[in-house]
Amino acid sequence: MEVMVSLTDHNSMGRLVLIENELDPKLFPTDFDAQYQIFINFQEVYLNITGIHRNNPLIGKYSVVIVPLSRTLV
């Protein structure tokens, strides 16, 4: 799975998308917009995203933890 982060979209606070994944988007969110979800960076170690599932409101609230396997600067 790869993660794409965009900070340059017009009128956006940032966006994170899980790309090249095998997740079912009806069960697991794969597109996160900082304007609608809560992003918390824990001491530069991992990113925690919380929100309410848009595609399946029966799931309700979720929490996603993203831990980088390696760090690269572009």
PDB file of N, CA and C in Angstrom:
ATOM      1  N   MET A   1       0.847  -1.161   0.000  1.00  0.00           N
ATOM      2  CA  MET A   1       0.000   0.000   0.000  1.00  0.00           C
ATOM      3  C   MET A   1       0.901   1.235   0.000  1.00  0.00           C
ATOM      4  N   GLU A   2       0.511   2.218  -0.772  1.00  0.00           N
ATOM      5  CA  GLU A   2       1.224   3.485  -0.812  1.00  0.00           C
ATOM      6  C   GLU A   2       0.298   4.587  -0.321  1.00  0.00           C
ATOM      7  N   VAL A   3       0.908   5.643   0.207  1.00  0.00           N
ATOM      8  CA  VAL A   3       0.156   6.783   0.716  1.00  0.00           C
ATOM      9  C   VAL A   3       0.563   8.015  -0.078  1.00  0.00           C
ATOM     10  N   MET A   4      -0.439   8.752  -0.558  1.00  0.00           N
ATOM     11  CA  MET A   4      -0.178  10.000  -1.271  1.00  0.00           C
ATOM     12  C   MET A   4      -0.681  11.155  -0.397  1.00  0.00           C
ATOM     13  N   VAL A   5       0.171  12.144  -0.182  1.00  0.00           N
ATOM     14  CA  VAL A   5      -0.195  13.323   0.596  1.00  0.00           C
ATOM     15  C   VAL A   5      -0.137  14.528  -0.311  1.00  0.00           C
ATOM     16  N   SER A   6      -1.190  15.320  -0.292  1.00  0.00           N
ATOM     17  CA  SER A   6      -1.249  16.525  -1.115  1.00  0.00           C
ATOM     18  C   SER A   6      -1.516  17.718  -0.213  1.00  0.00           C
ATOM     19  N   LEU A   7      -0.673  18.724  -0.335  1.00  0.00           N
ATOM     20  CA  LEU A   7      -0.851  19.957   0.433  1.00  0.00           C
ATOM     21  C   LEU A   7      -1.063  21.154  -0.479  1.00  0.00           C
ATOM     22  N   THR A   8      -1.240  20.898  -1.773  1.00  0.00           N
ATOM     23  CA  THR A   8      -1.287  21.997  -2.736  1.00  0.00           C
ATOM     24  C   THR A   8      -2.643  22.212  -3.380  1.00  0.00           C
ATOM     25  N   ASP A   9      -3.649  21.402  -3.036  1.00  0.00           N
ATOM     26  CA  ASP A   9      -4.971  21.580  -3.637  1.00  0.00           C
ATOM     27  C   ASP A   9      -5.562  22.929  -3.235  1.00  0.00           C
ATOM     28  N   HIS A  10      -6.292  23.541  -4.153  1.00  0.00           N
ATOM     29  CA  HIS A  10      -6.910  24.845  -3.908  1.00  0.00           C
ATOM     30  C   HIS A  10      -7.907  24.757  -2.753  1.00  0.00           C
ATOM     31  N   ASN A  11      -7.829  25.695  -1.812  1.00  0.00           N
ATOM     32  CA  ASN A  11      -8.723  25.749  -0.642  1.00  0.00           C
ATOM     33  C   ASN A  11      -8.717  24.450   0.160  1.00  0.00           C
ATOM     34  N   SER A  12      -7.565  23.808   0.293  1.00  0.00           N
ATOM     35  CA  SER A  12      -7.474  22.552   1.021  1.00  0.00           C
ATOM     36  C   SER A  12      -6.501  22.684   2.176  1.00  0.00           C
ATOM     37  N   MET A  13      -6.833  22.040   3.288  1.00  0.00           N
ATOM     38  CA  MET A  13      -5.940  21.993   4.447  1.00  0.00           C
ATOM     39  C   MET A  13      -4.989  20.804   4.346  1.00  0.00           C
ATOM     40  N   GLY A  14      -5.145  19.996   3.320  1.00  0.00           N
ATOM     41  CA  GLY A  14      -4.329  18.810   3.118  1.00  0.00           C
ATOM     42  C   GLY A  14      -5.203  17.604   2.868  1.00  0.00           C
ATOM     43  N   ARG A  15      -4.653  16.645   2.148  1.00  0.00           N
ATOM     44  CA  ARG A  15      -5.399  15.441   1.786  1.00  0.00           C
ATOM     45  C   ARG A  15      -4.447  14.261   1.797  1.00  0.00           C
ATOM     46  N   LEU A  16      -4.925  13.125   2.280  1.00  0.00           N
ATOM     47  CA  LEU A  16      -4.140  11.907   2.318  1.00  0.00           C
ATOM     48  C   LEU A  16      -4.972  10.801   1.676  1.00  0.00           C
ATOM     49  N   VAL A  17      -4.380  10.090   0.720  1.00  0.00           N
ATOM     50  CA  VAL A  17      -5.091   9.040  -0.008  1.00  0.00           C
ATOM     51  C   VAL A  17      -4.266   7.760   0.055  1.00  0.00           C
ATOM     52  N   LEU A  18      -4.917   6.654   0.403  1.00  0.00           N
ATOM     53  CA  LEU A  18      -4.279   5.349   0.362  1.00  0.00           C
ATOM     54  C   LEU A  18      -4.440   4.822  -1.051  1.00  0.00           C
ATOM     55  N   ILE A  19      -3.323   4.694  -1.777  1.00  0.00           N
ATOM     56  CA  ILE A  19      -3.375   4.253  -3.169  1.00  0.00           C
ATOM     57  C   ILE A  19      -2.764   2.857  -3.285  1.00  0.00           C
ATOM     58  N   GLU A  20      -3.064   2.210  -4.385  1.00  0.00           N
ATOM     59  CA  GLU A  20      -2.586   0.849  -4.642  1.00  0.00           C
ATOM     60  C   GLU A  20      -2.830  -0.044  -3.436  1.00  0.00           C
ATOM     61  N   ASN A  21      -4.102  -0.100  -3.021  1.00  0.00           N
ATOM     62  CA  ASN A  21      -4.449  -0.921  -1.872  1.00  0.00           C
ATOM     63  C   ASN A  21      -5.535  -1.910  -2.267  1.00  0.00           C
ATOM     64  N   GLU A  22      -5.765  -2.875  -1.410  1.00  0.00           N
ATOM     65  CA  GLU A  22      -6.793  -3.886  -1.653  1.00  0.00           C
ATOM     66  C   GLU A  22      -7.955  -3.726  -0.686  1.00  0.00           C
ATOM     67  N   LEU A  23      -8.130  -2.536  -0.121  1.00  0.00           N
ATOM     68  CA  LEU A  23      -9.191  -2.288   0.847  1.00  0.00           C
ATOM     69  C   LEU A  23     -10.520  -2.051   0.144  1.00  0.00           C
ATOM     70  N   ASP A  24     -11.588  -2.531   0.746  1.00  0.00           N
ATOM     71  CA  ASP A  24     -12.932  -2.278   0.249  1.00  0.00           C
ATOM     72  C   ASP A  24     -13.369  -0.910   0.774  1.00  0.00           C
ATOM     73  N   PRO A  25     -13.547   0.103  -0.102  1.00  0.00           N
ATOM     74  CA  PRO A  25     -13.873   1.451   0.367  1.00  0.00           C
ATOM     75  C   PRO A  25     -15.228   1.556   1.065  1.00  0.00           C
ATOM     76  N   LYS A  26     -16.083   0.543   0.907  1.00  0.00           N
ATOM     77  CA  LYS A  26     -17.355   0.557   1.633  1.00  0.00           C
ATOM     78  C   LYS A  26     -17.158   0.166   3.102  1.00  0.00           C
ATOM     79  N   LEU A  27     -16.039  -0.508   3.375  1.00  0.00           N
ATOM     80  CA  LEU A  27     -15.734  -0.913   4.747  1.00  0.00           C
ATOM     81  C   LEU A  27     -14.647  -0.065   5.382  1.00  0.00           C
ATOM     82  N   PHE A  28     -13.648   0.334   4.571  1.00  0.00           N
ATOM     83  CA  PHE A  28     -12.508   1.067   5.094  1.00  0.00           C
ATOM     84  C   PHE A  28     -12.324   2.369   4.316  1.00  0.00           C
ATOM     85  N   PRO A  29     -12.227   3.503   4.996  1.00  0.00           N
ATOM     86  CA  PRO A  29     -11.978   4.756   4.280  1.00  0.00           C
ATOM     87  C   PRO A  29     -10.570   4.748   3.681  1.00  0.00           C
ATOM     88  N   THR A  30     -10.435   5.330   2.482  1.00  0.00           N
ATOM     89  CA  THR A  30      -9.135   5.382   1.811  1.00  0.00           C
ATOM     90  C   THR A  30      -8.757   6.793   1.379  1.00  0.00           C
ATOM     91  N   ASP A  31      -9.637   7.755   1.582  1.00  0.00           N
ATOM     92  CA  ASP A  31      -9.409   9.140   1.157  1.00  0.00           C
ATOM     93  C   ASP A  31      -9.748  10.050   2.343  1.00  0.00           C
ATOM     94  N   PHE A  32      -8.754  10.790   2.807  1.00  0.00           N
ATOM     95  CA  PHE A  32      -8.928  11.609   4.001  1.00  0.00           C
ATOM     96  C   PHE A  32      -8.618  13.072   3.676  1.00  0.00           C
ATOM     97  N   ASP A  33      -9.507  13.956   4.019  1.00  0.00           N
ATOM     98  CA  ASP A  33      -9.329  15.392   3.802  1.00  0.00           C
ATOM     99  C   ASP A  33      -9.246  16.055   5.169  1.00  0.00           C
ATOM    100  N   ALA A  34      -8.186  16.810   5.413  1.00  0.00           N
ATOM    101  CA  ALA A  34      -7.978  17.431   6.725  1.00  0.00           C
ATOM    102  C   ALA A  34      -9.083  18.407   7.089  1.00  0.00           C
ATOM    103  N   GLN A  35      -9.852  18.849   6.122  1.00  0.00           N
ATOM    104  CA  GLN A  35     -10.950  19.764   6.413  1.00  0.00           C
ATOM    105  C   GLN A  35     -12.112  19.031   7.088  1.00  0.00           C
ATOM    106  N   TYR A  36     -12.253  17.732   6.857  1.00  0.00           N
ATOM    107  CA  TYR A  36     -13.397  16.973   7.355  1.00  0.00           C
ATOM    108  C   TYR A  36     -13.042  15.913   8.395  1.00  0.00           C
ATOM    109  N   GLN A  37     -11.784  15.537   8.512  1.00  0.00           N
ATOM    110  CA  GLN A  37     -11.343  14.576   9.515  1.00  0.00           C
ATOM    111  C   GLN A  37     -10.331  15.249  10.439  1.00  0.00           C
ATOM    112  N   ILE A  38     -10.058  14.615  11.560  1.00  0.00           N
ATOM    113  CA  ILE A  38      -9.079  15.148  12.508  1.00  0.00           C
ATOM    114  C   ILE A  38      -7.757  14.424  12.290  1.00  0.00           C
ATOM    115  N   PHE A  39      -6.705  15.190  11.988  1.00  0.00           N
ATOM    116  CA  PHE A  39      -5.360  14.653  11.791  1.00  0.00           C
ATOM    117  C   PHE A  39      -4.524  15.046  13.017  1.00  0.00           C
ATOM    118  N   ILE A  40      -3.909  14.059  13.664  1.00  0.00           N
ATOM    119  CA  ILE A  40      -3.027  14.340  14.793  1.00  0.00           C
ATOM    120  C   ILE A  40      -1.699  13.644  14.532  1.00  0.00           C
ATOM    121  N   ASN A  41      -0.621  14.425  14.536  1.00  0.00           N
ATOM    122  CA  ASN A  41       0.727  13.896  14.346  1.00  0.00           C
ATOM    123  C   ASN A  41       1.322  13.681  15.733  1.00  0.00           C
ATOM    124  N   PHE A  42       1.572  12.428  16.099  1.00  0.00           N
ATOM    125  CA  PHE A  42       2.099  12.113  17.414  1.00  0.00           C
ATOM    126  C   PHE A  42       3.621  12.086  17.388  1.00  0.00           C
ATOM    127  N   GLN A  43       4.230  13.182  17.824  1.00  0.00           N
ATOM    128  CA  GLN A  43       5.684  13.316  17.994  1.00  0.00           C
ATOM    129  C   GLN A  43       6.481  12.867  16.773  1.00  0.00           C
ATOM    130  N   GLU A  44       5.958  13.159  15.584  1.00  0.00           N
ATOM    131  CA  GLU A  44       6.645  12.808  14.331  1.00  0.00           C
ATOM    132  C   GLU A  44       6.849  11.305  14.176  1.00  0.00           C
ATOM    133  N   VAL A  45       6.110  10.482  14.943  1.00  0.00           N
ATOM    134  CA  VAL A  45       6.259   9.035  14.880  1.00  0.00           C
ATOM    135  C   VAL A  45       5.154   8.417  14.031  1.00  0.00           C
ATOM    136  N   TYR A  46       3.910   8.823  14.265  1.00  0.00           N
ATOM    137  CA  TYR A  46       2.814   8.293  13.467  1.00  0.00           C
ATOM    138  C   TYR A  46       1.711   9.329  13.355  1.00  0.00           C
ATOM    139  N   LEU A  47       0.814   9.096  12.401  1.00  0.00           N
ATOM    140  CA  LEU A  47      -0.318   9.978  12.139  1.00  0.00           C
ATOM    141  C   LEU A  47      -1.594   9.232  12.505  1.00  0.00           C
ATOM    142  N   ASN A  48      -2.438   9.878  13.296  1.00  0.00           N
ATOM    143  CA  ASN A  48      -3.737   9.314  13.661  1.00  0.00           C
ATOM    144  C   ASN A  48      -4.820  10.164  13.015  1.00  0.00           C
ATOM    145  N   ILE A  49      -5.720   9.503  12.266  1.00  0.00           N
ATOM    146  CA  ILE A  49      -6.826  10.195  11.596  1.00  0.00           C
ATOM    147  C   ILE A  49      -8.122   9.634  12.160  1.00  0.00           C
ATOM    148  N   THR A  50      -9.017  10.516  12.599  1.00  0.00           N
ATOM    149  CA  THR A  50     -10.325  10.085  13.081  1.00  0.00           C
ATOM    150  C   THR A  50     -11.401  10.832  12.319  1.00  0.00           C
ATOM    151  N   GLY A  51     -12.531  10.185  12.168  1.00  0.00           N
ATOM    152  CA  GLY A  51     -13.634  10.805  11.448  1.00  0.00           C
ATOM    153  C   GLY A  51     -14.845   9.896  11.437  1.00  0.00           C
ATOM    154  N   ILE A  52     -15.800  10.218  10.585  1.00  0.00           N
ATOM    155  CA  ILE A  52     -17.004   9.419  10.402  1.00  0.00           C
ATOM    156  C   ILE A  52     -17.005   8.914   8.967  1.00  0.00           C
ATOM    157  N   HIS A  53     -17.237   7.624   8.777  1.00  0.00           N
ATOM    158  CA  HIS A  53     -17.166   7.003   7.445  1.00  0.00           C
ATOM    159  C   HIS A  53     -18.233   7.628   6.534  1.00  0.00           C
ATOM    160  N   ARG A  54     -17.789   8.257   5.441  1.00  0.00           N
ATOM    161  CA  ARG A  54     -18.698   8.936   4.508  1.00  0.00           C
ATOM    162  C   ARG A  54     -19.487   7.971   3.633  1.00  0.00           C
ATOM    163  N   ASN A  55     -18.841   6.886   3.180  1.00  0.00           N
ATOM    164  CA  ASN A  55     -19.479   5.964   2.242  1.00  0.00           C
ATOM    165  C   ASN A  55     -20.383   4.944   2.915  1.00  0.00           C
ATOM    166  N   ASN A  56     -20.236   4.769   4.217  1.00  0.00           N
ATOM    167  CA  ASN A  56     -21.053   3.792   4.929  1.00  0.00           C
ATOM    168  C   ASN A  56     -21.331   4.320   6.343  1.00  0.00           C
ATOM    169  N   PRO A  57     -22.386   5.132   6.509  1.00  0.00           N
ATOM    170  CA  PRO A  57     -22.662   5.732   7.812  1.00  0.00           C
ATOM    171  C   PRO A  57     -22.980   4.711   8.909  1.00  0.00           C
ATOM    172  N   LEU A  58     -23.306   3.467   8.529  1.00  0.00           N
ATOM    173  CA  LEU A  58     -23.548   2.439   9.542  1.00  0.00           C
ATOM    174  C   LEU A  58     -22.278   2.100  10.319  1.00  0.00           C
ATOM    175  N   ILE A  59     -21.115   2.318   9.689  1.00  0.00           N
ATOM    176  CA  ILE A  59     -19.839   2.072  10.367  1.00  0.00           C
ATOM    177  C   ILE A  59     -19.608   3.145  11.415  1.00  0.00           C
ATOM    178  N   GLY A  60     -19.986   4.376  11.105  1.00  0.00           N
ATOM    179  CA  GLY A  60     -19.839   5.464  12.071  1.00  0.00           C
ATOM    180  C   GLY A  60     -18.407   5.946  12.199  1.00  0.00           C
ATOM    181  N   LYS A  61     -17.982   6.167  13.435  1.00  0.00           N
ATOM    182  CA  LYS A  61     -16.650   6.722  13.697  1.00  0.00           C
ATOM    183  C   LYS A  61     -15.561   5.702  13.421  1.00  0.00           C
ATOM    184  N   TYR A  62     -14.394   6.210  13.003  1.00  0.00           N
ATOM    185  CA  TYR A  62     -13.240   5.347  12.782  1.00  0.00           C
ATOM    186  C   TYR A  62     -11.979   6.063  13.244  1.00  0.00           C
ATOM    187  N   SER A  63     -10.941   5.291  13.413  1.00  0.00           N
ATOM    188  CA  SER A  63      -9.619   5.815  13.735  1.00  0.00           C
ATOM    189  C   SER A  63      -8.608   5.033  12.899  1.00  0.00           C
ATOM    190  N   VAL A  64      -7.741   5.748  12.201  1.00  0.00           N
ATOM    191  CA  VAL A  64      -6.714   5.145  11.354  1.00  0.00           C
ATOM    192  C   VAL A  64      -5.357   5.617  11.862  1.00  0.00           C
ATOM    193  N   VAL A  65      -4.436   4.682  12.061  1.00  0.00           N
ATOM    194  CA  VAL A  65      -3.082   5.015  12.476  1.00  0.00           C
ATOM    195  C   VAL A  65      -2.149   4.676  11.319  1.00  0.00           C
ATOM    196  N   ILE A  66      -1.355   5.652  10.903  1.00  0.00           N
ATOM    197  CA  ILE A  66      -0.414   5.452   9.803  1.00  0.00           C
ATOM    198  C   ILE A  66       0.997   5.611  10.349  1.00  0.00           C
ATOM    199  N   VAL A  67       1.776   4.539  10.222  1.00  0.00           N
ATOM    200  CA  VAL A  67       3.154   4.521  10.694  1.00  0.00           C
ATOM    201  C   VAL A  67       4.048   4.345   9.470  1.00  0.00           C
ATOM    202  N   PRO A  68       4.955   5.294   9.214  1.00  0.00           N
ATOM    203  CA  PRO A  68       5.816   5.142   8.021  1.00  0.00           C
ATOM    204  C   PRO A  68       6.837   4.029   8.205  1.00  0.00           C
ATOM    205  N   LEU A  69       7.025   3.260   7.131  1.00  0.00           N
ATOM    206  CA  LEU A  69       8.049   2.232   7.144  1.00  0.00           C
ATOM    207  C   LEU A  69       9.425   2.849   6.935  1.00  0.00           C
ATOM    208  N   SER A  70       9.458   3.932   6.162  1.00  0.00           N
ATOM    209  CA  SER A  70      10.689   4.672   5.962  1.00  0.00           C
ATOM    210  C   SER A  70      10.316   6.100   5.636  1.00  0.00           C
ATOM    211  N   ARG A  71      11.249   6.995   5.749  1.00  0.00           N
ATOM    212  CA  ARG A  71      10.977   8.410   5.485  1.00  0.00           C
ATOM    213  C   ARG A  71      11.811   8.882   4.312  1.00  0.00           C
ATOM    214  N   THR A  72      11.166   9.549   3.390  1.00  0.00           N
ATOM    215  CA  THR A  72      11.865  10.166   2.276  1.00  0.00           C
ATOM    216  C   THR A  72      11.348  11.591   2.117  1.00  0.00           C
ATOM    217  N   LEU A  73      12.214  12.502   1.791  1.00  0.00           N
ATOM    218  CA  LEU A  73      11.823  13.886   1.558  1.00  0.00           C
ATOM    219  C   LEU A  73      11.859  14.163   0.078  1.00  0.00           C
ATOM    220  N   VAL A  74      10.804  14.756  -0.423  1.00  0.00           N
ATOM    221  CA  VAL A  74      10.718  15.068  -1.856  1.00  0.00           C
ATOM    222  C   VAL A  74      10.758  16.559  -2.029  1.00  0.00           C
TER     223      VAL A  74
END
